[in-house]
Amino acid sequence: MTLLVVGASGFLGREVCRQVVAAGRRVVGTYFGSAVAVPGVQVRRMDVTDRSAVRALLAEVRPDAVVATPYRYDDWSVTADGAAHVAYAAAEVGARLVHLSSDAVHAGRPTPYLDDEAPTPIFPYGAAKAAAETAVRAIDPGAVLVRTSLIVGEGSKQIQLCRDALAGRAALFTDELRCPVDVTDLAAAVLELVDSDVAGPLNVAGPDAVSRAELGLLVAASSGLDPAGLKTTTSAELGLHRPAEVRLDSSRAAGLLRTRLRGVTELLIA
């Protein structure tokens, strides 16, 4: 079996590649900026905004499955159009598609979001991820759309942001709640889904809903850092129009998968 990981130089993409190599399977990883630094991965440069290039690469590699993780926070052409190009090319070669989406597709509310709830984006990145989902579902109804949350683990941008806030170099929001998930858990779940016939949206996130500021305190406790230095703010104070409380109900995924999705408190404190 050949697996193609689109966006293999990203935090999640690298971990997916690492686990595939460890399992003795063939993996081809694409990158655009920095090359993939995972031994055993066949690397190919690909621009997901170039539809012809995407189709050509998939026609050459002919993967059995594709894990699609491409995004750029402020670039619609990568996040939305790129996802559509990958989905179209995967369908052309008959590859199973696992598309990575985000809790950013939701507007935010006090009650958890179930898997099949329609997107209600309220800011550009969320709109791009929602558009990507729409395109993928239209092109390949059999694809699974993994809606996840903040991805944590050593080397993650989220953990580094917490350390920066503890050192006074950044600020964490007290009014934004998310359900962080460990990168190794998420990658393992994604690979289970590659070998499944699950289709449509599926929440795959941790069970603990915490604010970004609370995440910072957990990082302080786990790293032996002084929490007194934590710098906080609110998205409202900065005039940002972003989702506040976004809790993903991942109970369906927990029942479908062998991989246990650990909560951030267990990950950082236990």
Protein backbone atom coordinates (compact mmCIF):
# COMPACT_ATOMS: atom_id res chain seq x y z
CA MET A 1 0.00 0.00 0.00
CA THR A 2 1.21 3.48 -0.86
CA LEU A 3 0.11 6.45 1.22
CA LEU A 4 0.50 10.01 0.00
CA VAL A 5 0.69 12.67 2.70
CA VAL A 6 -0.04 16.13 1.32
CA GLY A 7 1.58 18.68 3.59
CA ALA A 8 4.11 16.23 5.03
CA SER A 9 6.42 18.98 6.26
CA GLY A 10 3.76 20.24 8.69
CA PHE A 11 3.52 19.23 12.34
CA LEU A 12 0.79 16.63 11.82
CA GLY A 13 2.03 15.54 8.40
CA ARG A 14 5.48 14.71 9.78
CA GLU A 15 3.99 12.58 12.55
CA VAL A 16 1.73 10.73 10.12
CA CYS A 17 4.78 9.99 7.96
CA ARG A 18 6.80 8.84 10.98
CA GLN A 19 4.10 6.39 12.03
CA VAL A 20 3.68 5.04 8.51
CA VAL A 21 7.43 4.42 8.18
CA ALA A 22 7.48 2.75 11.61
CA ALA A 23 4.72 0.41 10.41
CA GLY A 24 6.81 -0.60 7.40
CA ARG A 25 4.53 0.93 4.80
CA ARG A 26 5.46 3.05 1.79
CA VAL A 27 4.81 6.76 2.14
CA VAL A 28 5.30 9.65 -0.24
CA GLY A 29 5.23 13.08 1.36
CA THR A 30 4.71 16.39 -0.41
CA TYR A 31 6.07 19.74 0.67
CA PHE A 32 6.08 23.26 -0.70
CA GLY A 33 8.41 25.29 1.51
CA SER A 34 10.62 23.19 3.77
CA ALA A 35 11.36 19.62 2.76
CA VAL A 36 10.15 16.69 4.85
CA ALA A 37 12.68 15.66 7.48
CA VAL A 38 11.50 12.11 8.17
CA PRO A 39 13.81 9.21 7.23
CA GLY A 40 12.19 6.67 4.93
CA VAL A 41 9.78 9.12 3.29
CA GLN A 42 9.93 9.69 -0.45
CA VAL A 43 9.62 13.45 -0.79
CA ARG A 44 8.09 15.39 -3.66
CA ARG A 45 7.59 19.11 -3.99
CA MET A 46 4.03 20.09 -4.90
CA ASP A 47 2.05 23.32 -5.05
CA VAL A 48 -1.54 22.47 -4.15
CA THR A 49 -2.78 25.65 -5.84
CA ASP A 50 -1.57 24.26 -9.20
CA ARG A 51 -4.36 21.88 -10.20
CA SER A 52 -2.46 20.38 -13.14
CA ALA A 53 0.61 19.71 -10.99
CA VAL A 54 -1.49 18.00 -8.32
CA ARG A 55 -3.18 15.77 -10.88
CA ALA A 56 0.15 14.92 -12.51
CA LEU A 57 1.81 13.92 -9.23
CA LEU A 58 -1.07 11.72 -8.11
CA ALA A 59 -1.26 10.10 -11.53
CA GLU A 60 2.46 9.30 -11.24
CA VAL A 61 2.46 8.08 -7.62
CA ARG A 62 -0.96 6.39 -7.85
CA PRO A 63 -1.44 6.16 -4.08
CA ASP A 64 -3.94 3.81 -2.49
CA ALA A 65 -4.82 6.53 0.01
CA VAL A 66 -4.22 10.25 0.53
CA VAL A 67 -4.00 12.14 3.80
CA ALA A 68 -4.57 15.80 2.96
CA THR A 69 -3.35 18.34 5.51
CA PRO A 70 -2.55 21.44 3.41
CA TYR A 71 -3.50 24.82 4.79
CA ARG A 72 -2.19 28.34 5.10
CA TYR A 73 -3.99 30.42 7.68
CA ASP A 74 -4.41 33.53 5.54
CA ASP A 75 -4.47 31.97 2.07
CA TRP A 76 -7.77 30.83 0.57
CA SER A 77 -6.09 29.38 -2.50
CA VAL A 78 -4.12 26.90 -0.38
CA THR A 79 -6.74 26.06 2.24
CA ALA A 80 -9.85 25.89 0.07
CA ASP A 81 -8.82 25.60 -3.58
CA GLY A 82 -5.87 23.36 -2.72
CA ALA A 83 -8.11 20.94 -0.85
CA ALA A 84 -10.43 20.74 -3.86
CA HIS A 85 -7.53 20.06 -6.22
CA VAL A 86 -6.26 17.24 -4.01
CA ALA A 87 -9.73 15.71 -3.68
CA TYR A 88 -10.27 15.79 -7.44
CA ALA A 89 -6.91 14.20 -8.16
CA ALA A 90 -7.41 11.53 -5.47
CA ALA A 91 -10.80 10.64 -6.95
CA GLU A 92 -9.25 10.37 -10.42
CA VAL A 93 -6.84 7.66 -9.26
CA GLY A 94 -9.36 5.97 -6.97
CA ALA A 95 -7.50 6.77 -3.74
CA ARG A 96 -9.11 6.75 -0.31
CA LEU A 97 -9.12 10.34 1.01
CA VAL A 98 -8.74 11.50 4.59
CA HIS A 99 -9.12 15.29 4.64
CA LEU A 100 -8.06 17.29 7.70
CA SER A 101 -10.52 19.98 8.67
CA SER A 102 -10.84 22.17 11.75
CA ASP A 103 -13.10 23.31 14.55
CA ALA A 104 -12.70 26.75 12.94
CA VAL A 105 -15.68 25.90 10.71
CA HIS A 106 -17.96 26.58 13.70
CA ALA A 107 -19.13 29.93 15.06
CA GLY A 108 -18.81 28.92 18.72
CA ARG A 109 -21.42 28.28 21.44
CA PRO A 110 -21.60 26.84 24.98
CA THR A 111 -22.83 23.38 23.90
CA PRO A 112 -20.60 20.86 22.08
CA TYR A 113 -20.75 20.37 18.32
CA LEU A 114 -21.67 16.95 16.97
CA ASP A 115 -19.98 15.41 13.93
CA ASP A 116 -22.62 16.16 11.33
CA GLU A 117 -23.43 19.77 12.23
CA ALA A 118 -23.20 22.14 9.28
CA PRO A 119 -20.37 24.69 9.26
CA THR A 120 -21.16 28.20 10.51
CA PRO A 121 -17.88 30.06 9.96
CA ILE A 122 -17.51 33.63 11.19
CA PHE A 123 -13.96 34.50 10.12
CA PRO A 124 -11.90 34.02 6.92
CA TYR A 125 -9.91 30.95 7.95
CA GLY A 126 -13.05 29.18 9.13
CA ALA A 127 -14.76 30.07 5.87
CA ALA A 128 -11.86 28.65 3.87
CA LYS A 129 -11.94 25.39 5.84
CA ALA A 130 -15.73 25.19 5.40
CA ALA A 131 -15.36 25.75 1.65
CA ALA A 132 -12.74 22.99 1.56
CA GLU A 133 -15.16 20.61 3.26
CA THR A 134 -17.92 21.47 0.79
CA ALA A 135 -15.65 20.84 -2.18
CA VAL A 136 -14.31 17.56 -0.80
CA ARG A 137 -17.79 16.23 -0.02
CA ALA A 138 -19.05 17.16 -3.48
CA ILE A 139 -16.09 15.57 -5.26
CA ASP A 140 -15.77 12.45 -3.10
CA PRO A 141 -18.75 11.56 -0.86
CA GLY A 142 -16.75 8.61 0.48
CA ALA A 143 -13.99 10.80 1.93
CA VAL A 144 -13.75 11.32 5.66
CA LEU A 145 -13.41 14.88 6.94
CA VAL A 146 -11.51 14.94 10.22
CA ARG A 147 -12.55 17.97 12.25
CA THR A 148 -9.91 18.52 14.88
CA SER A 149 -8.80 21.22 17.30
CA LEU A 150 -5.53 22.62 18.67
CA ILE A 151 -2.78 20.09 17.96
CA VAL A 152 -0.34 19.82 20.83
CA GLY A 153 2.83 17.90 21.55
CA GLU A 154 6.52 18.68 21.78
CA GLY A 155 7.43 20.99 18.94
CA SER A 156 3.89 22.25 18.34
CA LYS A 157 3.20 25.90 17.69
CA GLN A 158 0.53 25.81 20.40
CA ILE A 159 2.97 24.71 23.11
CA GLN A 160 5.58 27.22 21.97
CA LEU A 161 2.97 30.00 22.08
CA CYS A 162 2.20 29.03 25.68
CA ARG A 163 5.89 29.19 26.60
CA ASP A 164 6.19 32.56 24.90
CA ALA A 165 3.20 33.84 26.90
CA LEU A 166 4.73 32.55 30.12
CA ALA A 167 7.85 34.55 29.26
CA GLY A 168 5.82 37.66 28.47
CA ARG A 169 6.56 37.51 24.74
CA ALA A 170 2.97 36.73 23.72
CA ALA A 171 -0.54 36.70 25.18
CA LEU A 172 -3.10 33.90 25.46
CA PHE A 173 -6.84 34.36 25.16
CA THR A 174 -8.99 33.69 28.19
CA ASP A 175 -12.20 33.75 26.15
CA GLU A 176 -11.45 31.06 23.55
CA LEU A 177 -12.11 27.42 24.48
CA ARG A 178 -10.89 24.52 22.40
CA CYS A 179 -10.35 20.74 22.77
CA PRO A 180 -6.61 20.12 22.27
CA VAL A 181 -5.45 16.79 20.87
CA ASP A 182 -2.02 15.18 20.97
CA VAL A 183 -0.29 14.95 17.59
CA THR A 184 0.58 11.26 18.07
CA ASP A 185 -3.03 10.40 18.96
CA LEU A 186 -4.37 12.37 16.00
CA ALA A 187 -1.92 10.81 13.55
CA ALA A 188 -2.77 7.30 14.77
CA ALA A 189 -6.48 8.07 14.43
CA VAL A 190 -5.96 9.38 10.90
CA LEU A 191 -4.16 6.19 9.90
CA GLU A 192 -6.98 4.08 11.33
CA LEU A 193 -9.38 6.07 9.21
CA VAL A 194 -7.25 5.46 6.12
CA ASP A 195 -8.01 1.76 6.52
CA SER A 196 -11.71 2.29 7.26
CA ASP A 197 -14.80 3.12 5.24
CA VAL A 198 -15.92 5.99 7.50
CA ALA A 199 -17.25 8.87 5.41
CA GLY A 200 -18.30 12.44 6.05
CA PRO A 201 -17.37 14.70 8.96
CA LEU A 202 -15.91 13.15 12.11
CA ASN A 203 -14.80 15.03 15.21
CA VAL A 204 -11.38 13.85 16.36
CA ALA A 205 -10.24 15.94 19.31
CA GLY A 206 -9.41 15.61 22.98
CA PRO A 207 -12.11 15.35 25.67
CA ASP A 208 -10.91 18.37 27.70
CA ALA A 209 -12.23 21.83 26.78
CA VAL A 210 -9.78 24.48 27.97
CA SER A 211 -9.11 28.10 27.21
CA ARG A 212 -5.81 29.00 25.63
CA ALA A 213 -4.86 30.65 28.91
CA GLU A 214 -5.69 27.45 30.82
CA LEU A 215 -3.53 25.55 28.36
CA GLY A 216 -0.71 27.94 29.23
CA LEU A 217 -1.09 27.13 32.92
CA LEU A 218 -0.97 23.40 32.15
CA VAL A 219 2.22 23.91 30.16
CA ALA A 220 3.68 25.86 33.08
CA ALA A 221 2.88 23.04 35.50
CA SER A 222 4.32 20.36 33.22
CA SER A 223 7.47 22.33 32.43
CA GLY A 224 8.18 23.69 35.89
CA LEU A 225 7.70 27.28 34.75
CA ASP A 226 6.37 30.12 36.90
CA PRO A 227 2.69 30.65 36.01
CA ALA A 228 2.81 34.16 37.47
CA GLY A 229 4.41 35.44 34.29
CA LEU A 230 1.57 34.29 32.05
CA LYS A 231 0.36 37.14 29.87
CA THR A 232 -3.32 36.99 28.89
CA THR A 233 -5.86 38.97 26.91
CA THR A 234 -9.20 38.41 25.18
CA SER A 235 -10.09 38.33 21.53
CA ALA A 236 -12.78 40.91 22.33
CA GLU A 237 -10.19 43.32 23.73
CA LEU A 238 -8.22 43.04 20.50
CA GLY A 239 -11.31 43.55 18.36
CA LEU A 240 -11.06 40.11 16.79
CA HIS A 241 -14.17 38.44 15.41
CA ARG A 242 -13.35 34.79 16.08
CA PRO A 243 -15.17 31.80 17.58
CA ALA A 244 -15.15 31.81 21.38
CA GLU A 245 -16.29 28.46 22.79
CA VAL A 246 -15.85 25.59 20.35
CA ARG A 247 -16.20 22.18 21.98
CA LEU A 248 -16.08 19.14 19.69
CA ASP A 249 -18.01 16.08 20.81
CA SER A 250 -15.66 13.27 19.76
CA SER A 251 -17.63 10.43 21.34
CA ARG A 252 -18.38 8.84 17.97
CA ALA A 253 -14.69 8.72 17.07
CA ALA A 254 -13.90 7.30 20.51
CA GLY A 255 -16.31 4.47 19.78
CA LEU A 256 -15.02 3.82 16.26
CA LEU A 257 -11.28 3.98 16.85
CA ARG A 258 -8.81 1.85 18.78
CA THR A 259 -6.68 4.95 19.37
CA ARG A 260 -7.52 6.61 22.66
CA LEU A 261 -7.86 10.38 22.34
CA ARG A 262 -6.27 11.64 25.53
CA GLY A 263 -7.26 14.87 27.25
CA VAL A 264 -4.74 17.68 27.53
CA THR A 265 -4.70 17.47 31.33
CA GLU A 266 -3.62 13.83 31.15
CA LEU A 267 -1.07 14.64 28.47
CA LEU A 268 0.62 17.44 30.34
CA ILE A 269 0.13 16.60 34.01
CA ALA A 270 -0.27 12.83 34.45
